[in-house]
Amino acid sequence: MTHAEIACLRNAGRIGSYRDTVLYSTLMPCYMCAGTVVQFGIPKVIVGESVTFPGARAFMEQHGVEVIDLADQRCIDLMTTFISNNPELWDEDIGK
């Protein structure tokens, strides 16, 4: 399984530089995805929510990435429903 942030960057292809890129994600990126953000030099990440998964916000910010958490209730509800309906898949995805 590929995390959405990684799939997004793969689909973007070889664009040379991500320095003018903003990454949008429903959920706060995990450390693997945050590491990719830092390595690729993506300067800004906008996320829908970090209630259901706090992710690696501090790691990205420590490396100069601007992180904006919208705390959008629709995203929280979406992820809460997904986790409730798919607990095994969720645990696998976050490495539990």
PDB file of N, CA and C in Angstrom:
ATOM      1  N   MET A   1       0.838  -1.168   0.000  1.00  0.00           N
ATOM      2  CA  MET A   1       0.000   0.000   0.000  1.00  0.00           C
ATOM      3  C   MET A   1       0.895   1.247   0.000  1.00  0.00           C
ATOM      4  N   THR A   2       0.517   2.207  -0.779  1.00  0.00           N
ATOM      5  CA  THR A   2       1.255   3.460  -0.864  1.00  0.00           C
ATOM      6  C   THR A   2       0.467   4.563  -0.159  1.00  0.00           C
ATOM      7  N   HIS A   3       1.148   5.337   0.651  1.00  0.00           N
ATOM      8  CA  HIS A   3       0.498   6.475   1.280  1.00  0.00           C
ATOM      9  C   HIS A   3       0.162   7.513   0.215  1.00  0.00           C
ATOM     10  N   ALA A   4      -0.899   8.252   0.432  1.00  0.00           N
ATOM     11  CA  ALA A   4      -1.400   9.201  -0.563  1.00  0.00           C
ATOM     12  C   ALA A   4      -0.360  10.255  -0.950  1.00  0.00           C
ATOM     13  N   GLU A   5       0.420  10.724   0.029  1.00  0.00           N
ATOM     14  CA  GLU A   5       1.427  11.743  -0.283  1.00  0.00           C
ATOM     15  C   GLU A   5       2.482  11.199  -1.255  1.00  0.00           C
ATOM     16  N   ILE A   6       2.893   9.961  -1.045  1.00  0.00           N
ATOM     17  CA  ILE A   6       3.884   9.340  -1.923  1.00  0.00           C
ATOM     18  C   ILE A   6       3.286   9.122  -3.305  1.00  0.00           C
ATOM     19  N   ALA A   7       2.046   8.631  -3.362  1.00  0.00           N
ATOM     20  CA  ALA A   7       1.373   8.431  -4.647  1.00  0.00           C
ATOM     21  C   ALA A   7       1.248   9.758  -5.405  1.00  0.00           C
ATOM     22  N   CYS A   8       0.925  10.813  -4.694  1.00  0.00           N
ATOM     23  CA  CYS A   8       0.801  12.133  -5.301  1.00  0.00           C
ATOM     24  C   CYS A   8       2.116  12.571  -5.948  1.00  0.00           C
ATOM     25  N   LEU A   9       3.209  12.414  -5.214  1.00  0.00           N
ATOM     26  CA  LEU A   9       4.510  12.824  -5.748  1.00  0.00           C
ATOM     27  C   LEU A   9       4.937  11.940  -6.918  1.00  0.00           C
ATOM     28  N   ARG A  10       4.654  10.655  -6.849  1.00  0.00           N
ATOM     29  CA  ARG A  10       4.954   9.770  -7.982  1.00  0.00           C
ATOM     30  C   ARG A  10       4.181  10.198  -9.214  1.00  0.00           C
ATOM     31  N   ASN A  11       2.899  10.521  -9.016  1.00  0.00           N
ATOM     32  CA  ASN A  11       2.059  10.933 -10.140  1.00  0.00           C
ATOM     33  C   ASN A  11       2.478  12.283 -10.713  1.00  0.00           C
ATOM     34  N   ALA A  12       3.112  13.111  -9.898  1.00  0.00           N
ATOM     35  CA  ALA A  12       3.583  14.414 -10.393  1.00  0.00           C
ATOM     36  C   ALA A  12       4.721  14.236 -11.389  1.00  0.00           C
ATOM     37  N   GLY A  13       5.442  13.136 -11.262  1.00  0.00           N
ATOM     38  CA  GLY A  13       6.533  12.872 -12.193  1.00  0.00           C
ATOM     39  C   GLY A  13       7.770  13.672 -11.861  1.00  0.00           C
ATOM     40  N   ARG A  14       8.679  13.672 -12.784  1.00  0.00           N
ATOM     41  CA  ARG A  14       9.953  14.355 -12.582  1.00  0.00           C
ATOM     42  C   ARG A  14       9.794  15.814 -12.985  1.00  0.00           C
ATOM     43  N   ILE A  15       9.544  16.638 -12.023  1.00  0.00           N
ATOM     44  CA  ILE A  15       9.322  18.057 -12.315  1.00  0.00           C
ATOM     45  C   ILE A  15      10.558  18.903 -12.024  1.00  0.00           C
ATOM     46  N   GLY A  16      11.618  18.270 -11.569  1.00  0.00           N
ATOM     47  CA  GLY A  16      12.870  18.991 -11.332  1.00  0.00           C
ATOM     48  C   GLY A  16      12.992  19.563  -9.945  1.00  0.00           C
ATOM     49  N   SER A  17      12.019  20.337  -9.537  1.00  0.00           N
ATOM     50  CA  SER A  17      12.065  20.956  -8.215  1.00  0.00           C
ATOM     51  C   SER A  17      10.653  21.070  -7.661  1.00  0.00           C
ATOM     52  N   TYR A  18      10.553  20.829  -6.364  1.00  0.00           N
ATOM     53  CA  TYR A  18       9.273  20.960  -5.677  1.00  0.00           C
ATOM     54  C   TYR A  18       9.254  22.215  -4.811  1.00  0.00           C
ATOM     55  N   ARG A  19      10.197  23.104  -4.999  1.00  0.00           N
ATOM     56  CA  ARG A  19      10.351  24.274  -4.124  1.00  0.00           C
ATOM     57  C   ARG A  19       9.183  25.257  -4.171  1.00  0.00           C
ATOM     58  N   ASP A  20       8.386  25.220  -5.232  1.00  0.00           N
ATOM     59  CA  ASP A  20       7.208  26.087  -5.332  1.00  0.00           C
ATOM     60  C   ASP A  20       5.917  25.289  -5.164  1.00  0.00           C
ATOM     61  N   THR A  21       6.022  24.130  -4.528  1.00  0.00           N
ATOM     62  CA  THR A  21       4.899  23.209  -4.407  1.00  0.00           C
ATOM     63  C   THR A  21       4.245  23.308  -3.036  1.00  0.00           C
ATOM     64  N   VAL A  22       2.930  23.149  -3.007  1.00  0.00           N
ATOM     65  CA  VAL A  22       2.180  23.008  -1.767  1.00  0.00           C
ATOM     66  C   VAL A  22       1.570  21.619  -1.805  1.00  0.00           C
ATOM     67  N   LEU A  23       1.796  20.841  -0.762  1.00  0.00           N
ATOM     68  CA  LEU A  23       1.210  19.504  -0.664  1.00  0.00           C
ATOM     69  C   LEU A  23      -0.043  19.589   0.186  1.00  0.00           C
ATOM     70  N   TYR A  24      -1.144  19.067  -0.330  1.00  0.00           N
ATOM     71  CA  TYR A  24      -2.415  19.029   0.391  1.00  0.00           C
ATOM     72  C   TYR A  24      -2.703  17.588   0.789  1.00  0.00           C
ATOM     73  N   SER A  25      -3.134  17.394   2.028  1.00  0.00           N
ATOM     74  CA  SER A  25      -3.426  16.054   2.516  1.00  0.00           C
ATOM     75  C   SER A  25      -4.622  16.110   3.470  1.00  0.00           C
ATOM     76  N   THR A  26      -5.470  15.094   3.410  1.00  0.00           N
ATOM     77  CA  THR A  26      -6.599  15.017   4.331  1.00  0.00           C
ATOM     78  C   THR A  26      -6.111  14.884   5.765  1.00  0.00           C
ATOM     79  N   LEU A  27      -5.012  14.134   5.934  1.00  0.00           N
ATOM     80  CA  LEU A  27      -4.508  13.745   7.248  1.00  0.00           C
ATOM     81  C   LEU A  27      -3.074  14.232   7.409  1.00  0.00           C
ATOM     82  N   MET A  28      -2.669  14.545   8.624  1.00  0.00           N
ATOM     83  CA  MET A  28      -1.293  14.956   8.894  1.00  0.00           C
ATOM     84  C   MET A  28      -0.345  13.847   8.431  1.00  0.00           C
ATOM     85  N   PRO A  29       0.675  14.173   7.639  1.00  0.00           N
ATOM     86  CA  PRO A  29       1.596  13.152   7.151  1.00  0.00           C
ATOM     87  C   PRO A  29       2.330  12.414   8.276  1.00  0.00           C
ATOM     88  N   CYS A  30       2.576  11.132   8.032  1.00  0.00           N
ATOM     89  CA  CYS A  30       3.371  10.316   8.946  1.00  0.00           C
ATOM     90  C   CYS A  30       4.849  10.696   8.772  1.00  0.00           C
ATOM     91  N   TYR A  31       5.705  10.085   9.562  1.00  0.00           N
ATOM     92  CA  TYR A  31       7.135  10.399   9.468  1.00  0.00           C
ATOM     93  C   TYR A  31       7.730  10.030   8.116  1.00  0.00           C
ATOM     94  N   MET A  32       7.289   8.933   7.512  1.00  0.00           N
ATOM     95  CA  MET A  32       7.803   8.552   6.202  1.00  0.00           C
ATOM     96  C   MET A  32       7.461   9.631   5.167  1.00  0.00           C
ATOM     97  N   CYS A  33       6.214  10.043   5.154  1.00  0.00           N
ATOM     98  CA  CYS A  33       5.785  11.060   4.194  1.00  0.00           C
ATOM     99  C   CYS A  33       6.398  12.424   4.520  1.00  0.00           C
ATOM    100  N   ALA A  34       6.509  12.742   5.808  1.00  0.00           N
ATOM    101  CA  ALA A  34       7.143  13.997   6.222  1.00  0.00           C
ATOM    102  C   ALA A  34       8.604  14.023   5.799  1.00  0.00           C
ATOM    103  N   GLY A  35       9.281  12.888   5.911  1.00  0.00           N
ATOM    104  CA  GLY A  35      10.667  12.808   5.455  1.00  0.00           C
ATOM    105  C   GLY A  35      10.780  13.070   3.966  1.00  0.00           C
ATOM    106  N   THR A  36       9.828  12.584   3.212  1.00  0.00           N
ATOM    107  CA  THR A  36       9.809  12.830   1.765  1.00  0.00           C
ATOM    108  C   THR A  36       9.576  14.309   1.482  1.00  0.00           C
ATOM    109  N   VAL A  37       8.672  14.927   2.233  1.00  0.00           N
ATOM    110  CA  VAL A  37       8.421  16.364   2.087  1.00  0.00           C
ATOM    111  C   VAL A  37       9.715  17.142   2.320  1.00  0.00           C
ATOM    112  N   VAL A  38      10.417  16.811   3.380  1.00  0.00           N
ATOM    113  CA  VAL A  38      11.664  17.500   3.713  1.00  0.00           C
ATOM    114  C   VAL A  38      12.719  17.224   2.646  1.00  0.00           C
ATOM    115  N   GLN A  39      12.897  15.966   2.263  1.00  0.00           N
ATOM    116  CA  GLN A  39      13.921  15.614   1.278  1.00  0.00           C
ATOM    117  C   GLN A  39      13.680  16.304  -0.059  1.00  0.00           C
ATOM    118  N   PHE A  40      12.418  16.408  -0.471  1.00  0.00           N
ATOM    119  CA  PHE A  40      12.102  17.025  -1.756  1.00  0.00           C
ATOM    120  C   PHE A  40      12.035  18.546  -1.672  1.00  0.00           C
ATOM    121  N   GLY A  41      12.146  19.096  -0.470  1.00  0.00           N
ATOM    122  CA  GLY A  41      12.153  20.554  -0.311  1.00  0.00           C
ATOM    123  C   GLY A  41      10.803  21.204  -0.519  1.00  0.00           C
ATOM    124  N   ILE A  42       9.744  20.492  -0.207  1.00  0.00           N
ATOM    125  CA  ILE A  42       8.401  21.062  -0.324  1.00  0.00           C
ATOM    126  C   ILE A  42       8.214  22.044   0.836  1.00  0.00           C
ATOM    127  N   PRO A  43       7.943  23.308   0.539  1.00  0.00           N
ATOM    128  CA  PRO A  43       7.948  24.322   1.601  1.00  0.00           C
ATOM    129  C   PRO A  43       6.669  24.429   2.429  1.00  0.00           C
ATOM    130  N   LYS A  44       5.541  23.911   1.897  1.00  0.00           N
ATOM    131  CA  LYS A  44       4.278  24.095   2.624  1.00  0.00           C
ATOM    132  C   LYS A  44       3.409  22.843   2.494  1.00  0.00           C
ATOM    133  N   VAL A  45       2.798  22.454   3.622  1.00  0.00           N
ATOM    134  CA  VAL A  45       1.860  21.332   3.661  1.00  0.00           C
ATOM    135  C   VAL A  45       0.589  21.825   4.325  1.00  0.00           C
ATOM    136  N   ILE A  46      -0.535  21.606   3.654  1.00  0.00           N
ATOM    137  CA  ILE A  46      -1.834  21.969   4.208  1.00  0.00           C
ATOM    138  C   ILE A  46      -2.600  20.678   4.437  1.00  0.00           C
ATOM    139  N   VAL A  47      -3.046  20.477   5.679  1.00  0.00           N
ATOM    140  CA  VAL A  47      -3.745  19.242   6.022  1.00  0.00           C
ATOM    141  C   VAL A  47      -5.160  19.530   6.500  1.00  0.00           C
ATOM    142  N   GLY A  48      -6.033  18.571   6.254  1.00  0.00           N
ATOM    143  CA  GLY A  48      -7.417  18.708   6.678  1.00  0.00           C
ATOM    144  C   GLY A  48      -7.597  18.553   8.168  1.00  0.00           C
ATOM    145  N   GLU A  49      -6.812  17.614   8.762  1.00  0.00           N
ATOM    146  CA  GLU A  49      -6.959  17.393  10.194  1.00  0.00           C
ATOM    147  C   GLU A  49      -5.799  16.592  10.755  1.00  0.00           C
ATOM    148  N   SER A  50      -5.631  16.724  12.081  1.00  0.00           N
ATOM    149  CA  SER A  50      -4.609  15.944  12.785  1.00  0.00           C
ATOM    150  C   SER A  50      -5.158  15.357  14.089  1.00  0.00           C
ATOM    151  N   VAL A  51      -6.484  15.326  14.215  1.00  0.00           N
ATOM    152  CA  VAL A  51      -7.117  14.791  15.420  1.00  0.00           C
ATOM    153  C   VAL A  51      -6.970  13.273  15.458  1.00  0.00           C
ATOM    154  N   THR A  52      -7.283  12.611  14.353  1.00  0.00           N
ATOM    155  CA  THR A  52      -7.253  11.152  14.330  1.00  0.00           C
ATOM    156  C   THR A  52      -5.838  10.596  14.220  1.00  0.00           C
ATOM    157  N   PHE A  53      -4.896  11.409  13.761  1.00  0.00           N
ATOM    158  CA  PHE A  53      -3.500  10.993  13.646  1.00  0.00           C
ATOM    159  C   PHE A  53      -2.636  12.250  13.699  1.00  0.00           C
ATOM    160  N   PRO A  54      -1.844  12.434  14.767  1.00  0.00           N
ATOM    161  CA  PRO A  54      -1.057  13.666  14.902  1.00  0.00           C
ATOM    162  C   PRO A  54       0.101  13.768  13.919  1.00  0.00           C
ATOM    163  N   GLY A  55       0.573  12.634  13.421  1.00  0.00           N
ATOM    164  CA  GLY A  55       1.613  12.655  12.399  1.00  0.00           C
ATOM    165  C   GLY A  55       2.918  13.293  12.832  1.00  0.00           C
ATOM    166  N   ALA A  56       3.589  13.879  11.876  1.00  0.00           N
ATOM    167  CA  ALA A  56       4.949  14.378  12.087  1.00  0.00           C
ATOM    168  C   ALA A  56       5.048  15.880  11.856  1.00  0.00           C
ATOM    169  N   ARG A  57       4.087  16.606  12.375  1.00  0.00           N
ATOM    170  CA  ARG A  57       4.076  18.069  12.199  1.00  0.00           C
ATOM    171  C   ARG A  57       5.365  18.714  12.717  1.00  0.00           C
ATOM    172  N   ALA A  58       5.742  18.382  13.944  1.00  0.00           N
ATOM    173  CA  ALA A  58       6.930  19.013  14.538  1.00  0.00           C
ATOM    174  C   ALA A  58       8.179  18.725  13.713  1.00  0.00           C
ATOM    175  N   PHE A  59       8.303  17.508  13.210  1.00  0.00           N
ATOM    176  CA  PHE A  59       9.453  17.144  12.375  1.00  0.00           C
ATOM    177  C   PHE A  59       9.518  18.039  11.143  1.00  0.00           C
ATOM    178  N   MET A  60       8.398  18.214  10.469  1.00  0.00           N
ATOM    179  CA  MET A  60       8.398  19.067   9.267  1.00  0.00           C
ATOM    180  C   MET A  60       8.723  20.505   9.628  1.00  0.00           C
ATOM    181  N   GLU A  61       8.108  21.010  10.689  1.00  0.00           N
ATOM    182  CA  GLU A  61       8.364  22.394  11.087  1.00  0.00           C
ATOM    183  C   GLU A  61       9.815  22.595  11.490  1.00  0.00           C
ATOM    184  N   GLN A  62      10.414  21.612  12.153  1.00  0.00           N
ATOM    185  CA  GLN A  62      11.833  21.709  12.530  1.00  0.00           C
ATOM    186  C   GLN A  62      12.741  21.788  11.308  1.00  0.00           C
ATOM    187  N   HIS A  63      12.232  21.339  10.170  1.00  0.00           N
ATOM    188  CA  HIS A  63      13.013  21.382   8.933  1.00  0.00           C
ATOM    189  C   HIS A  63      12.537  22.490   7.997  1.00  0.00           C
ATOM    190  N   GLY A  64      11.826  23.464   8.549  1.00  0.00           N
ATOM    191  CA  GLY A  64      11.469  24.666   7.799  1.00  0.00           C
ATOM    192  C   GLY A  64      10.218  24.580   6.955  1.00  0.00           C
ATOM    193  N   VAL A  65       9.451  23.514   7.106  1.00  0.00           N
ATOM    194  CA  VAL A  65       8.214  23.370   6.342  1.00  0.00           C
ATOM    195  C   VAL A  65       7.094  24.099   7.079  1.00  0.00           C
ATOM    196  N   GLU A  66       6.358  24.926   6.364  1.00  0.00           N
ATOM    197  CA  GLU A  66       5.173  25.568   6.937  1.00  0.00           C
ATOM    198  C   GLU A  66       4.035  24.551   6.909  1.00  0.00           C
ATOM    199  N   VAL A  67       3.450  24.267   8.053  1.00  0.00           N
ATOM    200  CA  VAL A  67       2.360  23.292   8.151  1.00  0.00           C
ATOM    201  C   VAL A  67       1.103  24.024   8.611  1.00  0.00           C
ATOM    202  N   ILE A  68       0.051  23.896   7.827  1.00  0.00           N
ATOM    203  CA  ILE A  68      -1.224  24.508   8.160  1.00  0.00           C
ATOM    204  C   ILE A  68      -2.236  23.384   8.370  1.00  0.00           C
ATOM    205  N   ASP A  69      -2.776  23.326   9.575  1.00  0.00           N
ATOM    206  CA  ASP A  69      -3.779  22.321   9.929  1.00  0.00           C
ATOM    207  C   ASP A  69      -5.138  23.010   9.938  1.00  0.00           C
ATOM    208  N   LEU A  70      -5.995  22.634   9.004  1.00  0.00           N
ATOM    209  CA  LEU A  70      -7.304  23.268   8.896  1.00  0.00           C
ATOM    210  C   LEU A  70      -8.285  22.809   9.974  1.00  0.00           C
ATOM    211  N   ALA A  71      -8.002  21.686  10.628  1.00  0.00           N
ATOM    212  CA  ALA A  71      -8.899  21.123  11.643  1.00  0.00           C
ATOM    213  C   ALA A  71     -10.339  21.077  11.129  1.00  0.00           C
ATOM    214  N   ASP A  72     -10.484  20.641   9.892  1.00  0.00           N
ATOM    215  CA  ASP A  72     -11.773  20.610   9.214  1.00  0.00           C
ATOM    216  C   ASP A  72     -12.624  19.447   9.738  1.00  0.00           C
ATOM    217  N   GLN A  73     -13.785  19.754  10.245  1.00  0.00           N
ATOM    218  CA  GLN A  73     -14.647  18.723  10.828  1.00  0.00           C
ATOM    219  C   GLN A  73     -15.023  17.661   9.806  1.00  0.00           C
ATOM    220  N   ARG A  74     -15.178  18.050   8.540  1.00  0.00           N
ATOM    221  CA  ARG A  74     -15.511  17.060   7.508  1.00  0.00           C
ATOM    222  C   ARG A  74     -14.400  16.031   7.363  1.00  0.00           C
ATOM    223  N   CYS A  75     -13.152  16.477   7.433  1.00  0.00           N
ATOM    224  CA  CYS A  75     -12.020  15.556   7.357  1.00  0.00           C
ATOM    225  C   CYS A  75     -11.944  14.672   8.597  1.00  0.00           C
ATOM    226  N   ILE A  76     -12.198  15.268   9.750  1.00  0.00           N
ATOM    227  CA  ILE A  76     -12.202  14.490  10.998  1.00  0.00           C
ATOM    228  C   ILE A  76     -13.273  13.403  10.919  1.00  0.00           C
ATOM    229  N   ASP A  77     -14.468  13.770  10.462  1.00  0.00           N
ATOM    230  CA  ASP A  77     -15.558  12.801  10.343  1.00  0.00           C
ATOM    231  C   ASP A  77     -15.213  11.716   9.321  1.00  0.00           C
ATOM    232  N   LEU A  78     -14.647  12.104   8.201  1.00  0.00           N
ATOM    233  CA  LEU A  78     -14.247  11.149   7.160  1.00  0.00           C
ATOM    234  C   LEU A  78     -13.261  10.133   7.712  1.00  0.00           C
ATOM    235  N   MET A  79     -12.223  10.612   8.389  1.00  0.00           N
ATOM    236  CA  MET A  79     -11.203   9.710   8.916  1.00  0.00           C
ATOM    237  C   MET A  79     -11.733   8.878  10.074  1.00  0.00           C
ATOM    238  N   THR A  80     -12.564   9.459  10.936  1.00  0.00           N
ATOM    239  CA  THR A  80     -13.146   8.709  12.047  1.00  0.00           C
ATOM    240  C   THR A  80     -14.000   7.554  11.523  1.00  0.00           C
ATOM    241  N   THR A  81     -14.787   7.818  10.505  1.00  0.00           N
ATOM    242  CA  THR A  81     -15.613   6.777   9.896  1.00  0.00           C
ATOM    243  C   THR A  81     -14.745   5.708   9.251  1.00  0.00           C
ATOM    244  N   PHE A  82     -13.722   6.138   8.511  1.00  0.00           N
ATOM    245  CA  PHE A  82     -12.827   5.170   7.863  1.00  0.00           C
ATOM    246  C   PHE A  82     -12.160   4.267   8.898  1.00  0.00           C
ATOM    247  N   ILE A  83     -11.643   4.847   9.959  1.00  0.00           N
ATOM    248  CA  ILE A  83     -10.956   4.075  11.006  1.00  0.00           C
ATOM    249  C   ILE A  83     -11.929   3.107  11.672  1.00  0.00           C
ATOM    250  N   SER A  84     -13.136   3.559  11.941  1.00  0.00           N
ATOM    251  CA  SER A  84     -14.139   2.709  12.564  1.00  0.00           C
ATOM    252  C   SER A  84     -14.529   1.536  11.668  1.00  0.00           C
ATOM    253  N   ASN A  85     -14.644   1.791  10.373  1.00  0.00           N
ATOM    254  CA  ASN A  85     -15.049   0.757   9.424  1.00  0.00           C
ATOM    255  C   ASN A  85     -13.903  -0.155   8.989  1.00  0.00           C
ATOM    256  N   ASN A  86     -12.662   0.288   9.159  1.00  0.00           N
ATOM    257  CA  ASN A  86     -11.498  -0.453   8.657  1.00  0.00           C
ATOM    258  C   ASN A  86     -10.370  -0.501   9.680  1.00  0.00           C
ATOM    259  N   PRO A  87     -10.604  -0.964  10.901  1.00  0.00           N
ATOM    260  CA  PRO A  87      -9.568  -0.887  11.931  1.00  0.00           C
ATOM    261  C   PRO A  87      -8.293  -1.660  11.590  1.00  0.00           C
ATOM    262  N   GLU A  88      -8.420  -2.824  10.955  1.00  0.00           N
ATOM    263  CA  GLU A  88      -7.229  -3.610  10.615  1.00  0.00           C
ATOM    264  C   GLU A  88      -6.390  -2.900   9.561  1.00  0.00           C
ATOM    265  N   LEU A  89      -7.057  -2.351   8.555  1.00  0.00           N
ATOM    266  CA  LEU A  89      -6.349  -1.624   7.495  1.00  0.00           C
ATOM    267  C   LEU A  89      -5.679  -0.379   8.072  1.00  0.00           C
ATOM    268  N   TRP A  90      -6.363   0.324   8.954  1.00  0.00           N
ATOM    269  CA  TRP A  90      -5.813   1.520   9.588  1.00  0.00           C
ATOM    270  C   TRP A  90      -4.561   1.174  10.395  1.00  0.00           C
ATOM    271  N   ASP A  91      -4.677   0.117  11.231  1.00  0.00           N
ATOM    272  CA  ASP A  91      -3.541  -0.290  12.040  1.00  0.00           C
ATOM    273  C   ASP A  91      -2.349  -0.679  11.165  1.00  0.00           C
ATOM    274  N   GLU A  92      -2.623  -1.373  10.071  1.00  0.00           N
ATOM    275  CA  GLU A  92      -1.548  -1.751   9.149  1.00  0.00           C
ATOM    276  C   GLU A  92      -0.910  -0.519   8.532  1.00  0.00           C
ATOM    277  N   ASP A  93      -1.736   0.433   8.138  1.00  0.00           N
ATOM    278  CA  ASP A  93      -1.247   1.623   7.462  1.00  0.00           C
ATOM    279  C   ASP A  93      -0.387   2.494   8.357  1.00  0.00           C
ATOM    280  N   ILE A  94      -0.729   2.583   9.641  1.00  0.00           N
ATOM    281  CA  ILE A  94       0.053   3.429  10.536  1.00  0.00           C
ATOM    282  C   ILE A  94       1.115   2.646  11.302  1.00  0.00           C
ATOM    283  N   GLY A  95       1.235   1.354  11.010  1.00  0.00           N
ATOM    284  CA  GLY A  95       2.331   0.570  11.574  1.00  0.00           C
ATOM    285  C   GLY A  95       2.090   0.034  12.970  1.00  0.00           C
ATOM    286  N   LYS A  96       0.851  -0.231  13.337  1.00  0.00           N
ATOM    287  CA  LYS A  96       0.561  -0.796  14.660  1.00  0.00           C
ATOM    288  C   LYS A  96       0.723  -2.294  14.624  1.00  0.00           C
TER     289      LYS A  96
END
